[in-house]
């Protein structure tokens, strides 16, 4: 059985169009702007708890930099191909 996707709470009001055939305007109620900085505060706290230099990341970078096969030849070829096929934005395209 297929259920209806229209709920009673979403149904149109009884008289969406006034007697004159004009749409009935909704009353406008202004609301003050609201801004929550709670998420930003949580992010700042998490960032402050991280060390400025992470030794394990520095060691991994050193290991990759000393590896002659990193990045792989296939990766370099793919990146080179992408660069060559990209349009030269310094040229006039008009």
N, C-alpha and C. Protein backbone atom coordinates (compact mmCIF):
# COMPACT_ATOMS: atom_id res chain seq x y z
N UNK A 1 0.84 -1.18 0.00
CA UNK A 1 0.00 0.00 0.00
C UNK A 1 0.89 1.24 0.00
N UNK A 2 0.53 2.21 -0.79
CA UNK A 2 1.27 3.47 -0.86
C UNK A 2 0.60 4.48 0.04
N UNK A 3 1.38 5.02 0.97
CA UNK A 3 0.84 6.03 1.88
C UNK A 3 0.89 7.39 1.22
N UNK A 4 -0.02 8.23 1.60
CA UNK A 4 -0.05 9.60 1.10
C UNK A 4 1.14 10.36 1.66
N UNK A 5 1.76 11.21 0.83
CA UNK A 5 2.89 12.02 1.30
C UNK A 5 2.43 13.37 1.80
N UNK A 6 1.15 13.65 1.72
CA UNK A 6 0.62 14.93 2.20
C UNK A 6 0.02 14.72 3.57
N UNK A 7 0.57 15.42 4.53
CA UNK A 7 0.01 15.31 5.88
C UNK A 7 -1.01 16.42 6.08
N UNK A 8 -1.83 16.24 7.06
CA UNK A 8 -2.87 17.24 7.34
C UNK A 8 -2.24 18.57 7.75
N UNK A 9 -1.06 18.51 8.38
CA UNK A 9 -0.45 19.77 8.82
C UNK A 9 0.10 20.58 7.66
N UNK A 10 0.27 19.95 6.50
CA UNK A 10 0.79 20.66 5.34
C UNK A 10 -0.31 21.03 4.33
N UNK A 11 -1.53 20.68 4.66
CA UNK A 11 -2.63 20.95 3.74
C UNK A 11 -2.86 22.46 3.66
N UNK A 12 -3.42 22.89 2.54
CA UNK A 12 -3.71 24.31 2.35
C UNK A 12 -4.80 24.75 3.30
N UNK A 13 -4.75 26.00 3.74
CA UNK A 13 -5.84 26.50 4.59
C UNK A 13 -7.16 26.49 3.81
N UNK A 14 -8.25 26.59 4.54
CA UNK A 14 -9.56 26.52 3.91
C UNK A 14 -9.77 27.55 2.82
N UNK A 15 -9.28 28.78 3.03
CA UNK A 15 -9.52 29.84 2.07
C UNK A 15 -8.18 30.51 1.72
N UNK A 16 -7.35 29.87 0.86
CA UNK A 16 -6.07 30.47 0.54
C UNK A 16 -6.22 31.72 -0.31
N UNK A 17 -7.33 31.88 -0.99
CA UNK A 17 -7.57 33.05 -1.83
C UNK A 17 -8.79 33.78 -1.28
N UNK A 18 -8.65 35.09 -1.10
CA UNK A 18 -9.76 35.88 -0.56
C UNK A 18 -10.94 35.93 -1.50
N UNK A 19 -12.01 36.57 -1.07
CA UNK A 19 -13.23 36.68 -1.86
C UNK A 19 -12.99 37.41 -3.18
N UNK A 20 -12.02 38.31 -3.22
CA UNK A 20 -11.80 39.10 -4.43
C UNK A 20 -10.90 38.38 -5.43
N UNK A 21 -10.43 37.19 -5.08
CA UNK A 21 -9.55 36.47 -5.99
C UNK A 21 -8.09 36.83 -5.78
N UNK A 22 -7.82 37.69 -4.83
CA UNK A 22 -6.45 38.09 -4.52
C UNK A 22 -5.89 37.17 -3.43
N UNK A 23 -4.61 36.96 -3.47
CA UNK A 23 -3.97 36.17 -2.44
C UNK A 23 -4.06 36.91 -1.11
N UNK A 24 -4.28 36.17 -0.07
CA UNK A 24 -4.38 36.76 1.26
C UNK A 24 -2.95 36.93 1.78
N UNK A 25 -2.53 38.18 2.08
CA UNK A 25 -1.16 38.38 2.56
C UNK A 25 -0.99 37.85 3.98
N UNK A 26 0.18 37.28 4.23
CA UNK A 26 0.51 36.82 5.57
C UNK A 26 0.98 38.01 6.39
N UNK A 27 0.68 37.98 7.65
CA UNK A 27 1.15 39.04 8.54
C UNK A 27 2.65 38.85 8.76
N UNK A 28 3.41 39.92 8.65
CA UNK A 28 4.85 39.87 8.84
C UNK A 28 5.18 40.19 10.29
N UNK A 29 5.89 39.29 10.92
CA UNK A 29 6.33 39.52 12.29
C UNK A 29 7.85 39.57 12.28
N UNK A 30 8.43 40.75 12.50
CA UNK A 30 9.90 40.83 12.48
C UNK A 30 10.50 40.11 13.68
N UNK A 31 11.61 39.43 13.42
CA UNK A 31 12.34 38.75 14.47
C UNK A 31 13.74 39.34 14.54
N UNK A 32 14.25 39.54 15.73
CA UNK A 32 15.62 40.07 15.84
C UNK A 32 16.62 39.04 15.30
N UNK A 33 17.71 39.54 14.75
CA UNK A 33 18.75 38.65 14.28
C UNK A 33 19.34 37.89 15.45
N UNK A 34 19.69 36.63 15.20
CA UNK A 34 20.29 35.82 16.25
C UNK A 34 21.61 35.26 15.74
N UNK A 35 22.60 35.27 16.61
CA UNK A 35 23.91 34.74 16.27
C UNK A 35 24.41 33.92 17.45
N UNK A 36 24.80 32.70 17.18
CA UNK A 36 25.35 31.85 18.22
C UNK A 36 26.82 31.61 17.92
N UNK A 37 27.65 31.94 18.88
CA UNK A 37 29.09 31.72 18.72
C UNK A 37 29.55 30.50 19.49
N UNK A 38 28.62 29.70 19.94
CA UNK A 38 28.97 28.52 20.71
C UNK A 38 29.83 27.56 19.89
N UNK A 39 29.49 27.31 18.64
CA UNK A 39 30.28 26.41 17.80
C UNK A 39 31.69 26.95 17.60
N UNK A 40 31.81 28.24 17.38
CA UNK A 40 33.12 28.84 17.18
C UNK A 40 33.96 28.71 18.44
N UNK A 41 33.34 28.86 19.59
CA UNK A 41 34.06 28.73 20.86
C UNK A 41 34.56 27.31 21.05
N UNK A 42 33.75 26.33 20.69
CA UNK A 42 34.16 24.93 20.80
C UNK A 42 35.35 24.67 19.88
N UNK A 43 35.30 25.20 18.65
CA UNK A 43 36.41 25.02 17.71
C UNK A 43 37.68 25.70 18.21
N UNK A 44 37.54 26.89 18.77
CA UNK A 44 38.72 27.59 19.30
C UNK A 44 39.35 26.81 20.44
N UNK A 45 38.52 26.24 21.31
CA UNK A 45 39.02 25.45 22.43
C UNK A 45 39.75 24.21 21.93
N UNK A 46 39.17 23.53 20.94
CA UNK A 46 39.81 22.33 20.38
C UNK A 46 41.14 22.70 19.72
N UNK A 47 41.17 23.81 19.01
CA UNK A 47 42.40 24.25 18.36
C UNK A 47 43.46 24.62 19.39
N UNK A 48 43.06 25.28 20.45
CA UNK A 48 44.01 25.68 21.49
C UNK A 48 44.61 24.47 22.20
N UNK A 49 43.86 23.36 22.23
CA UNK A 49 44.35 22.18 22.92
C UNK A 49 45.35 21.38 22.07
N UNK A 50 45.46 21.69 20.79
CA UNK A 50 46.40 21.01 19.91
C UNK A 50 47.77 21.66 20.00
N UNK A 51 48.84 20.86 19.98
CA UNK A 51 50.17 21.47 19.99
C UNK A 51 50.43 22.17 18.66
N UNK A 52 51.23 23.23 18.71
CA UNK A 52 51.53 23.97 17.49
C UNK A 52 52.33 23.13 16.50
N UNK A 53 53.25 22.33 17.03
CA UNK A 53 54.05 21.43 16.19
C UNK A 53 53.78 20.01 16.66
N UNK A 54 53.37 19.15 15.71
CA UNK A 54 53.09 17.76 16.04
C UNK A 54 54.27 16.91 15.59
N UNK A 55 55.07 16.40 16.53
CA UNK A 55 56.29 15.67 16.18
C UNK A 55 56.05 14.46 15.28
N UNK A 56 54.95 13.74 15.46
CA UNK A 56 54.68 12.56 14.63
C UNK A 56 54.44 12.95 13.17
N UNK A 57 53.84 14.10 12.95
CA UNK A 57 53.60 14.58 11.59
C UNK A 57 54.92 15.05 10.96
N UNK A 58 55.75 15.69 11.75
CA UNK A 58 57.06 16.13 11.25
C UNK A 58 57.90 14.92 10.86
N UNK A 59 57.88 13.86 11.68
CA UNK A 59 58.65 12.65 11.36
C UNK A 59 58.14 11.99 10.08
N UNK A 60 56.82 11.96 9.91
CA UNK A 60 56.26 11.36 8.68
C UNK A 60 56.67 12.19 7.46
N UNK A 61 56.66 13.49 7.57
CA UNK A 61 57.07 14.36 6.47
C UNK A 61 58.53 14.14 6.12
N UNK A 62 59.38 14.01 7.15
CA UNK A 62 60.79 13.75 6.90
C UNK A 62 60.99 12.42 6.18
N UNK A 63 60.25 11.40 6.61
CA UNK A 63 60.36 10.08 5.98
C UNK A 63 59.93 10.14 4.52
N UNK A 64 58.84 10.84 4.24
CA UNK A 64 58.37 10.95 2.85
C UNK A 64 59.34 11.76 2.01
N UNK A 65 59.90 12.82 2.58
CA UNK A 65 60.85 13.66 1.83
C UNK A 65 62.12 12.90 1.48
N UNK A 66 62.52 11.96 2.33
CA UNK A 66 63.75 11.21 2.05
C UNK A 66 63.50 10.00 1.16
N UNK A 67 62.25 9.66 0.91
CA UNK A 67 61.90 8.52 0.06
C UNK A 67 61.95 8.94 -1.40
N UNK A 68 62.89 8.36 -2.15
CA UNK A 68 63.08 8.74 -3.56
C UNK A 68 61.89 8.35 -4.44
N UNK A 69 61.08 7.39 -4.00
CA UNK A 69 59.94 6.96 -4.81
C UNK A 69 58.63 7.63 -4.39
N UNK A 70 58.71 8.68 -3.56
CA UNK A 70 57.50 9.39 -3.16
C UNK A 70 57.52 10.78 -3.75
N UNK A 71 56.51 11.23 -4.38
CA UNK A 71 55.35 10.47 -4.82
C UNK A 71 55.72 9.53 -5.95
N UNK A 72 54.86 8.57 -6.18
CA UNK A 72 55.16 7.55 -7.20
C UNK A 72 55.18 8.18 -8.59
N UNK A 73 55.84 7.48 -9.50
CA UNK A 73 55.92 7.94 -10.89
C UNK A 73 54.52 8.08 -11.49
N UNK A 74 53.64 7.14 -11.17
CA UNK A 74 52.27 7.19 -11.70
C UNK A 74 51.56 8.46 -11.21
N UNK A 75 51.75 8.80 -9.95
CA UNK A 75 51.12 10.01 -9.40
C UNK A 75 51.67 11.25 -10.09
N UNK A 76 52.99 11.29 -10.26
CA UNK A 76 53.60 12.44 -10.94
C UNK A 76 53.09 12.58 -12.37
N UNK A 77 52.98 11.46 -13.08
CA UNK A 77 52.48 11.51 -14.46
C UNK A 77 51.03 12.01 -14.50
N UNK A 78 50.23 11.54 -13.56
CA UNK A 78 48.82 11.95 -13.54
C UNK A 78 48.71 13.45 -13.26
N UNK A 79 49.45 13.94 -12.28
CA UNK A 79 49.42 15.37 -11.95
C UNK A 79 49.93 16.18 -13.14
N UNK A 80 51.02 15.72 -13.77
CA UNK A 80 51.54 16.41 -14.95
C UNK A 80 50.53 16.47 -16.07
N UNK A 81 49.81 15.37 -16.28
CA UNK A 81 48.78 15.34 -17.32
C UNK A 81 47.66 16.32 -17.01
N UNK A 82 47.28 16.40 -15.75
CA UNK A 82 46.21 17.33 -15.36
C UNK A 82 46.65 18.78 -15.57
N UNK A 83 47.92 19.06 -15.26
CA UNK A 83 48.43 20.42 -15.46
C UNK A 83 48.46 20.77 -16.94
N UNK A 84 48.92 19.83 -17.76
CA UNK A 84 49.00 20.10 -19.20
C UNK A 84 47.63 20.26 -19.85
N UNK A 85 46.63 19.54 -19.35
CA UNK A 85 45.30 19.62 -19.96
C UNK A 85 44.47 20.79 -19.42
N UNK A 86 44.94 21.43 -18.35
CA UNK A 86 44.20 22.57 -17.79
C UNK A 86 44.39 23.79 -18.68
N UNK A 87 43.35 24.62 -18.81
CA UNK A 87 43.49 25.82 -19.64
C UNK A 87 44.45 26.82 -19.00
N UNK A 88 45.14 27.56 -19.84
CA UNK A 88 46.05 28.59 -19.36
C UNK A 88 45.23 29.84 -19.10
N UNK A 89 44.97 30.13 -17.84
CA UNK A 89 44.11 31.25 -17.48
C UNK A 89 44.78 32.60 -17.70
N UNK A 90 46.08 32.58 -17.96
CA UNK A 90 46.75 33.86 -18.22
C UNK A 90 46.54 34.33 -19.66
N UNK A 91 46.05 33.43 -20.51
CA UNK A 91 45.75 33.81 -21.89
C UNK A 91 44.34 34.36 -22.00
N UNK A 92 44.15 35.26 -22.94
CA UNK A 92 42.83 35.85 -23.16
C UNK A 92 41.92 34.80 -23.78
N UNK A 93 40.82 34.47 -23.11
CA UNK A 93 39.91 33.44 -23.58
C UNK A 93 38.74 34.00 -24.40
N UNK A 94 38.70 35.31 -24.65
CA UNK A 94 37.56 35.89 -25.35
C UNK A 94 37.66 35.83 -26.83
